[in-house]
Amino acid sequence: ITCIQETKWTGETAREIEDTGYKLYYSGKDRCRNGVRIIIDKGLVESVVAVTRKGDRIMLVKLVFGGNIVNIISAYAPQVGLDDQTKRDFWEQMDEILQEIPVGENLVIGGDFNGHVGIDKLGYERVHGGYSFDDRNEAGERILDFAVAADLVVANIMYKKREEHLITFKSGLVKSQIDYFLVRKVDCLKCNDCKVIPGESLGSQHRILVFDLCF
């Protein structure tokens, strides 16, 4: 299952990727900005039971397989420079969509959150493993506050990695960690690993972040 952000397709629908059997679910209102997608493996397409879209920044796909109910959310947080109301609206919508998911169901959020959670975990020990990169900024604090309120952990800062396996965005001399996976704290035992693959990218700047879980 792949979560993709900052896509350019408009509409709220789904389509099969030609000659692959994979299915693409997407939500976008403006071809020039935002947009999120979730791609489902052909072996799991029949397991999709519901799709929920919150504007062009948040989308949820619910699957049922092997006795498990798994909710996958692809999220794209407002970037630096946008007004505070837009940022508040995003986090309120994230809270709304989580309120609709029963506690007993599995939850995985994969997103471009446009914030730095930083290496310092002081005050956020419940959600922050301490294995991050760079300093925390205001947007990163919003991510951690949301994780605390929703009883989530930030998966890719729970594992000790080399710097190259932490950096999710790299452009010239600029490098940062702004893409994250979040999962419920009670599901930590299902998490095997989370890391960046430095040699692979879907664009010129963002790198693929992989999260392994065992259900």
C-alpha atoms as a PDB file:
ATOM      1  CA  ILE A   1       0.000   0.000   0.000  1.00  0.00           C
ATOM      2  CA  THR A   2       1.499   3.334  -1.051  1.00  0.00           C
ATOM      3  CA  CYS A   3       0.592   6.802   0.242  1.00  0.00           C
ATOM      4  CA  ILE A   4       1.449   9.672  -2.103  1.00  0.00           C
ATOM      5  CA  GLN A   5       1.092  13.416  -1.561  1.00  0.00           C
ATOM      6  CA  GLU A   6       1.324  16.607  -3.625  1.00  0.00           C
ATOM      7  CA  THR A   7      -0.314  15.020  -6.652  1.00  0.00           C
ATOM      8  CA  LYS A   8      -1.738  16.895  -9.631  1.00  0.00           C
ATOM      9  CA  TRP A   9      -4.819  14.904 -10.622  1.00  0.00           C
ATOM     10  CA  THR A  10      -8.188  16.507  -9.924  1.00  0.00           C
ATOM     11  CA  GLY A  11     -11.367  14.745  -8.856  1.00  0.00           C
ATOM     12  CA  GLU A  12     -12.424  12.286  -6.174  1.00  0.00           C
ATOM     13  CA  THR A  13     -12.488   8.838  -7.678  1.00  0.00           C
ATOM     14  CA  ALA A  14     -10.480   5.658  -8.304  1.00  0.00           C
ATOM     15  CA  ARG A  15      -9.043   3.919 -11.333  1.00  0.00           C
ATOM     16  CA  GLU A  16      -7.006   0.838 -12.150  1.00  0.00           C
ATOM     17  CA  ILE A  17      -3.425   1.365 -13.216  1.00  0.00           C
ATOM     18  CA  GLU A  18      -3.368  -0.080 -16.713  1.00  0.00           C
ATOM     19  CA  ASP A  19      -2.018  -3.627 -17.128  1.00  0.00           C
ATOM     20  CA  THR A  20      -0.975  -3.931 -13.467  1.00  0.00           C
ATOM     21  CA  GLY A  21      -4.113  -4.730 -11.470  1.00  0.00           C
ATOM     22  CA  TYR A  22      -3.132  -2.073  -8.936  1.00  0.00           C
ATOM     23  CA  LYS A  23      -5.819   0.441  -8.014  1.00  0.00           C
ATOM     24  CA  LEU A  24      -5.299   4.156  -7.494  1.00  0.00           C
ATOM     25  CA  TYR A  25      -7.567   6.185  -5.204  1.00  0.00           C
ATOM     26  CA  TYR A  26      -7.141   9.941  -5.350  1.00  0.00           C
ATOM     27  CA  SER A  27      -8.518  13.258  -4.169  1.00  0.00           C
ATOM     28  CA  GLY A  28      -7.601  16.632  -5.652  1.00  0.00           C
ATOM     29  CA  LYS A  29      -9.299  19.940  -6.342  1.00  0.00           C
ATOM     30  CA  ASP A  30      -6.565  22.046  -7.910  1.00  0.00           C
ATOM     31  CA  ARG A  31      -4.123  20.776 -10.523  1.00  0.00           C
ATOM     32  CA  CYS A  32      -1.475  23.197  -9.269  1.00  0.00           C
ATOM     33  CA  ARG A  33      -1.392  22.229  -5.588  1.00  0.00           C
ATOM     34  CA  ASN A  34      -2.165  19.674  -2.871  1.00  0.00           C
ATOM     35  CA  GLY A  35      -3.733  16.321  -3.803  1.00  0.00           C
ATOM     36  CA  VAL A  36      -3.316  12.912  -2.145  1.00  0.00           C
ATOM     37  CA  ARG A  37      -3.380   9.346  -3.443  1.00  0.00           C
ATOM     38  CA  ILE A  38      -3.317   5.804  -2.120  1.00  0.00           C
ATOM     39  CA  ILE A  39      -2.258   2.913  -4.358  1.00  0.00           C
ATOM     40  CA  ILE A  40      -3.456  -0.551  -3.366  1.00  0.00           C
ATOM     41  CA  ASP A  41      -1.724  -3.768  -4.401  1.00  0.00           C
ATOM     42  CA  LYS A  42      -3.773  -5.946  -6.747  1.00  0.00           C
ATOM     43  CA  GLY A  43      -3.940  -8.675  -4.089  1.00  0.00           C
ATOM     44  CA  LEU A  44      -5.685  -6.298  -1.668  1.00  0.00           C
ATOM     45  CA  VAL A  45      -8.058  -4.441  -4.005  1.00  0.00           C
ATOM     46  CA  GLU A  46     -10.976  -6.733  -3.106  1.00  0.00           C
ATOM     47  CA  SER A  47     -10.316  -6.007   0.586  1.00  0.00           C
ATOM     48  CA  VAL A  48     -11.185  -2.294   0.283  1.00  0.00           C
ATOM     49  CA  VAL A  49     -14.526  -1.653   2.011  1.00  0.00           C
ATOM     50  CA  ALA A  50     -14.643   2.153   2.310  1.00  0.00           C
ATOM     51  CA  VAL A  51     -12.978   5.352   1.111  1.00  0.00           C
ATOM     52  CA  THR A  52     -13.268   8.697   2.931  1.00  0.00           C
ATOM     53  CA  ARG A  53     -11.960  12.011   1.592  1.00  0.00           C
ATOM     54  CA  LYS A  54     -11.470  15.226   3.563  1.00  0.00           C
ATOM     55  CA  GLY A  55     -10.850  17.873   0.933  1.00  0.00           C
ATOM     56  CA  ASP A  56      -7.676  17.553  -1.115  1.00  0.00           C
ATOM     57  CA  ARG A  57      -5.248  16.986   1.765  1.00  0.00           C
ATOM     58  CA  ILE A  58      -6.577  13.915   3.602  1.00  0.00           C
ATOM     59  CA  MET A  59      -7.881  10.573   2.354  1.00  0.00           C
ATOM     60  CA  LEU A  60      -8.631   7.302   4.137  1.00  0.00           C
ATOM     61  CA  VAL A  61      -8.948   3.809   2.670  1.00  0.00           C
ATOM     62  CA  LYS A  62     -10.331   1.059   4.932  1.00  0.00           C
ATOM     63  CA  LEU A  63      -9.424  -2.575   4.240  1.00  0.00           C
ATOM     64  CA  VAL A  64     -10.540  -5.856   5.812  1.00  0.00           C
ATOM     65  CA  PHE A  65      -8.281  -8.886   5.389  1.00  0.00           C
ATOM     66  CA  GLY A  66      -7.294 -11.905   7.451  1.00  0.00           C
ATOM     67  CA  GLY A  67      -9.554 -10.846  10.295  1.00  0.00           C
ATOM     68  CA  ASN A  68      -7.923  -7.403  10.465  1.00  0.00           C
ATOM     69  CA  ILE A  69      -9.487  -4.001   9.836  1.00  0.00           C
ATOM     70  CA  VAL A  70      -6.795  -1.605   8.631  1.00  0.00           C
ATOM     71  CA  ASN A  71      -7.293   2.123   8.064  1.00  0.00           C
ATOM     72  CA  ILE A  72      -4.712   3.806   5.827  1.00  0.00           C
ATOM     73  CA  ILE A  73      -4.595   7.613   5.737  1.00  0.00           C
ATOM     74  CA  SER A  74      -2.594   9.638   3.225  1.00  0.00           C
ATOM     75  CA  ALA A  75      -2.106  13.216   4.471  1.00  0.00           C
ATOM     76  CA  TYR A  76      -0.492  16.383   3.115  1.00  0.00           C
ATOM     77  CA  ALA A  77      -0.074  19.116   5.719  1.00  0.00           C
ATOM     78  CA  PRO A  78       0.022  22.811   4.735  1.00  0.00           C
ATOM     79  CA  GLN A  79       3.519  24.005   3.978  1.00  0.00           C
ATOM     80  CA  VAL A  80       5.431  26.885   5.567  1.00  0.00           C
ATOM     81  CA  GLY A  81       4.080  30.232   4.444  1.00  0.00           C
ATOM     82  CA  LEU A  82       0.395  29.353   4.395  1.00  0.00           C
ATOM     83  CA  ASP A  83      -1.908  31.122   6.851  1.00  0.00           C
ATOM     84  CA  ASP A  84      -2.634  29.796  10.330  1.00  0.00           C
ATOM     85  CA  GLN A  85      -6.319  29.165   9.553  1.00  0.00           C
ATOM     86  CA  THR A  86      -5.399  26.742   6.756  1.00  0.00           C
ATOM     87  CA  LYS A  87      -3.102  24.904   9.151  1.00  0.00           C
ATOM     88  CA  ARG A  88      -5.746  24.770  11.886  1.00  0.00           C
ATOM     89  CA  ASP A  89      -8.315  23.475   9.390  1.00  0.00           C
ATOM     90  CA  PHE A  90      -5.979  20.638   8.390  1.00  0.00           C
ATOM     91  CA  TRP A  91      -5.388  19.438  11.952  1.00  0.00           C
ATOM     92  CA  GLU A  92      -9.077  19.749  12.818  1.00  0.00           C
ATOM     93  CA  GLN A  93      -9.923  17.581   9.813  1.00  0.00           C
ATOM     94  CA  MET A  94      -7.278  15.054  10.869  1.00  0.00           C
ATOM     95  CA  ASP A  95      -8.881  14.923  14.304  1.00  0.00           C
ATOM     96  CA  GLU A  96     -12.350  14.508  12.769  1.00  0.00           C
ATOM     97  CA  ILE A  97     -11.332  11.563  10.602  1.00  0.00           C
ATOM     98  CA  LEU A  98      -9.615   9.828  13.545  1.00  0.00           C
ATOM     99  CA  GLN A  99     -12.743  10.241  15.650  1.00  0.00           C
ATOM    100  CA  GLU A 100     -14.589   8.115  13.078  1.00  0.00           C
ATOM    101  CA  ILE A 101     -12.186   5.162  13.457  1.00  0.00           C
ATOM    102  CA  PRO A 102     -12.989   2.747  16.324  1.00  0.00           C
ATOM    103  CA  VAL A 103     -10.164   2.192  18.808  1.00  0.00           C
ATOM    104  CA  GLY A 104     -10.005  -1.543  18.032  1.00  0.00           C
ATOM    105  CA  GLU A 105      -9.149  -1.007  14.356  1.00  0.00           C
ATOM    106  CA  ASN A 106      -5.605  -0.748  12.998  1.00  0.00           C
ATOM    107  CA  LEU A 107      -4.518   2.720  11.897  1.00  0.00           C
ATOM    108  CA  VAL A 108      -1.571   3.852   9.780  1.00  0.00           C
ATOM    109  CA  ILE A 109      -1.061   7.483   8.717  1.00  0.00           C
ATOM    110  CA  GLY A 110       1.512   8.163   6.007  1.00  0.00           C
ATOM    111  CA  GLY A 111       2.070  11.784   5.158  1.00  0.00           C
ATOM    112  CA  ASP A 112       4.110  14.742   4.055  1.00  0.00           C
ATOM    113  CA  PHE A 113       3.644  16.790   7.234  1.00  0.00           C
ATOM    114  CA  ASN A 114       5.983  19.666   6.295  1.00  0.00           C
ATOM    115  CA  GLY A 115       7.451  19.893   9.786  1.00  0.00           C
ATOM    116  CA  HIS A 116      10.620  18.982  11.667  1.00  0.00           C
ATOM    117  CA  VAL A 117      10.014  17.014  14.871  1.00  0.00           C
ATOM    118  CA  GLY A 118      13.689  17.359  15.782  1.00  0.00           C
ATOM    119  CA  ILE A 119      16.077  15.092  17.597  1.00  0.00           C
ATOM    120  CA  ASP A 120      15.139  16.376  21.086  1.00  0.00           C
ATOM    121  CA  LYS A 121      12.289  14.318  22.541  1.00  0.00           C
ATOM    122  CA  LEU A 122      11.968  16.266  25.807  1.00  0.00           C
ATOM    123  CA  GLY A 123       8.287  16.567  26.696  1.00  0.00           C
ATOM    124  CA  TYR A 124       7.268  14.080  24.001  1.00  0.00           C
ATOM    125  CA  GLU A 125       8.826  10.865  25.293  1.00  0.00           C
ATOM    126  CA  ARG A 126       5.533   8.956  24.795  1.00  0.00           C
ATOM    127  CA  VAL A 127       5.522   9.545  21.028  1.00  0.00           C
ATOM    128  CA  HIS A 128       9.139  10.371  20.130  1.00  0.00           C
ATOM    129  CA  GLY A 129      11.872   7.728  20.020  1.00  0.00           C
ATOM    130  CA  GLY A 130      14.723  10.229  19.844  1.00  0.00           C
ATOM    131  CA  TYR A 131      16.072   9.048  16.491  1.00  0.00           C
ATOM    132  CA  SER A 132      15.364  12.037  14.292  1.00  0.00           C
ATOM    133  CA  PHE A 133      17.254  14.691  12.384  1.00  0.00           C
ATOM    134  CA  ASP A 134      17.825  18.436  12.849  1.00  0.00           C
ATOM    135  CA  ASP A 135      15.927  20.772  15.201  1.00  0.00           C
ATOM    136  CA  ARG A 136      12.211  20.933  15.953  1.00  0.00           C
ATOM    137  CA  ASN A 137      10.160  23.767  14.463  1.00  0.00           C
ATOM    138  CA  GLU A 138       6.600  24.997  15.097  1.00  0.00           C
ATOM    139  CA  ALA A 139       5.122  22.674  12.464  1.00  0.00           C
ATOM    140  CA  GLY A 140       6.973  19.742  14.036  1.00  0.00           C
ATOM    141  CA  GLU A 141       5.541  20.636  17.421  1.00  0.00           C
ATOM    142  CA  ARG A 142       2.034  20.479  15.913  1.00  0.00           C
ATOM    143  CA  ILE A 143       2.771  16.954  14.670  1.00  0.00           C
ATOM    144  CA  LEU A 144       3.932  15.815  18.098  1.00  0.00           C
ATOM    145  CA  ASP A 145       1.015  17.501  19.886  1.00  0.00           C
ATOM    146  CA  PHE A 146      -1.380  15.717  17.538  1.00  0.00           C
ATOM    147  CA  ALA A 147       0.359  12.385  18.200  1.00  0.00           C
ATOM    148  CA  VAL A 148       0.081  12.884  21.972  1.00  0.00           C
ATOM    149  CA  ALA A 149      -3.610  13.811  21.758  1.00  0.00           C
ATOM    150  CA  ALA A 150      -4.434  10.822  19.530  1.00  0.00           C
ATOM    151  CA  ASP A 151      -2.168   8.354  21.403  1.00  0.00           C
ATOM    152  CA  LEU A 152       0.012   7.778  18.332  1.00  0.00           C
ATOM    153  CA  VAL A 153       3.750   7.303  17.882  1.00  0.00           C
ATOM    154  CA  VAL A 154       5.884   8.648  15.048  1.00  0.00           C
ATOM    155  CA  ALA A 155       7.225   5.419  13.578  1.00  0.00           C
ATOM    156  CA  ASN A 156      10.271   6.598  11.651  1.00  0.00           C
ATOM    157  CA  ILE A 157      11.866   8.227  14.701  1.00  0.00           C
ATOM    158  CA  MET A 158      11.551   5.075  16.807  1.00  0.00           C
ATOM    159  CA  TYR A 159      14.430   3.259  15.077  1.00  0.00           C
ATOM    160  CA  LYS A 160      18.111   4.141  15.215  1.00  0.00           C
ATOM    161  CA  LYS A 161      19.297   4.745  11.637  1.00  0.00           C
ATOM    162  CA  ARG A 162      22.128   6.322   9.723  1.00  0.00           C
ATOM    163  CA  GLU A 163      21.384   9.892   8.628  1.00  0.00           C
ATOM    164  CA  GLU A 164      20.769   8.824   5.033  1.00  0.00           C
ATOM    165  CA  HIS A 165      17.943   6.582   6.231  1.00  0.00           C
ATOM    166  CA  LEU A 166      16.308   9.465   8.139  1.00  0.00           C
ATOM    167  CA  ILE A 167      16.346  12.245   5.529  1.00  0.00           C
ATOM    168  CA  THR A 168      13.107  12.235   3.538  1.00  0.00           C
ATOM    169  CA  PHE A 169      13.679  15.449   1.544  1.00  0.00           C
ATOM    170  CA  LYS A 170      16.908  16.485  -0.145  1.00  0.00           C
ATOM    171  CA  SER A 171      17.518  19.335  -2.591  1.00  0.00           C
ATOM    172  CA  GLY A 172      21.082  20.444  -3.137  1.00  0.00           C
ATOM    173  CA  LEU A 173      22.559  21.255   0.268  1.00  0.00           C
ATOM    174  CA  VAL A 174      19.124  21.309   1.892  1.00  0.00           C
ATOM    175  CA  LYS A 175      18.137  18.114   3.670  1.00  0.00           C
ATOM    176  CA  SER A 176      15.346  17.508   6.148  1.00  0.00           C
ATOM    177  CA  GLN A 177      12.880  15.028   7.594  1.00  0.00           C
ATOM    178  CA  ILE A 178       9.303  16.113   6.856  1.00  0.00           C
ATOM    179  CA  ASP A 179       7.574  12.839   5.901  1.00  0.00           C
ATOM    180  CA  TYR A 180       6.336  10.523   8.650  1.00  0.00           C
ATOM    181  CA  PHE A 181       4.346   7.407   9.441  1.00  0.00           C
ATOM    182  CA  LEU A 182       2.146   7.510  12.528  1.00  0.00           C
ATOM    183  CA  VAL A 183       0.611   4.451  14.186  1.00  0.00           C
ATOM    184  CA  ARG A 184      -1.320   3.808  17.378  1.00  0.00           C
ATOM    185  CA  LYS A 185       0.883   3.239  20.391  1.00  0.00           C
ATOM    186  CA  VAL A 186      -0.891  -0.024  21.205  1.00  0.00           C
ATOM    187  CA  ASP A 187       0.189  -1.354  17.792  1.00  0.00           C
ATOM    188  CA  CYS A 188       3.930  -0.773  18.275  1.00  0.00           C
ATOM    189  CA  LEU A 189       4.575  -4.516  18.553  1.00  0.00           C
ATOM    190  CA  LYS A 190       3.297  -4.901  14.968  1.00  0.00           C
ATOM    191  CA  CYS A 191       5.970  -2.500  13.684  1.00  0.00           C
ATOM    192  CA  ASN A 192       9.091  -4.158  12.342  1.00  0.00           C
ATOM    193  CA  ASP A 193      11.025  -1.309  10.751  1.00  0.00           C
ATOM    194  CA  CYS A 194      10.713   2.129   9.168  1.00  0.00           C
ATOM    195  CA  LYS A 195      13.371   3.807   7.042  1.00  0.00           C
ATOM    196  CA  VAL A 196      14.120   5.872   3.958  1.00  0.00           C
ATOM    197  CA  ILE A 197      15.483   4.209   0.830  1.00  0.00           C
ATOM    198  CA  PRO A 198      18.118   6.776  -0.285  1.00  0.00           C
ATOM    199  CA  GLY A 199      18.529   5.481  -3.820  1.00  0.00           C
ATOM    200  CA  GLU A 200      14.841   5.575  -4.757  1.00  0.00           C
ATOM    201  CA  SER A 201      12.577   8.577  -5.250  1.00  0.00           C
ATOM    202  CA  LEU A 202       9.198   9.444  -6.734  1.00  0.00           C
ATOM    203  CA  GLY A 203      10.414  12.951  -7.570  1.00  0.00           C
ATOM    204  CA  SER A 204      13.569  14.989  -7.654  1.00  0.00           C
ATOM    205  CA  GLN A 205      13.484  15.867  -3.936  1.00  0.00           C
ATOM    206  CA  HIS A 206      11.327  13.518  -1.849  1.00  0.00           C
ATOM    207  CA  ARG A 207      12.543  10.022  -1.026  1.00  0.00           C
ATOM    208  CA  ILE A 208      10.562   6.861  -0.451  1.00  0.00           C
ATOM    209  CA  LEU A 209       9.834   6.097   3.192  1.00  0.00           C
ATOM    210  CA  VAL A 210       9.036   2.436   3.872  1.00  0.00           C
ATOM    211  CA  PHE A 211       7.130   1.127   6.901  1.00  0.00           C
ATOM    212  CA  ASP A 212       7.013  -2.624   7.618  1.00  0.00           C
ATOM    213  CA  LEU A 213       4.180  -3.992   9.765  1.00  0.00           C
ATOM    214  CA  CYS A 214       3.108  -7.507  10.612  1.00  0.00           C
ATOM    215  CA  PHE A 215      -0.608  -8.241  11.071  1.00  0.00           C
END
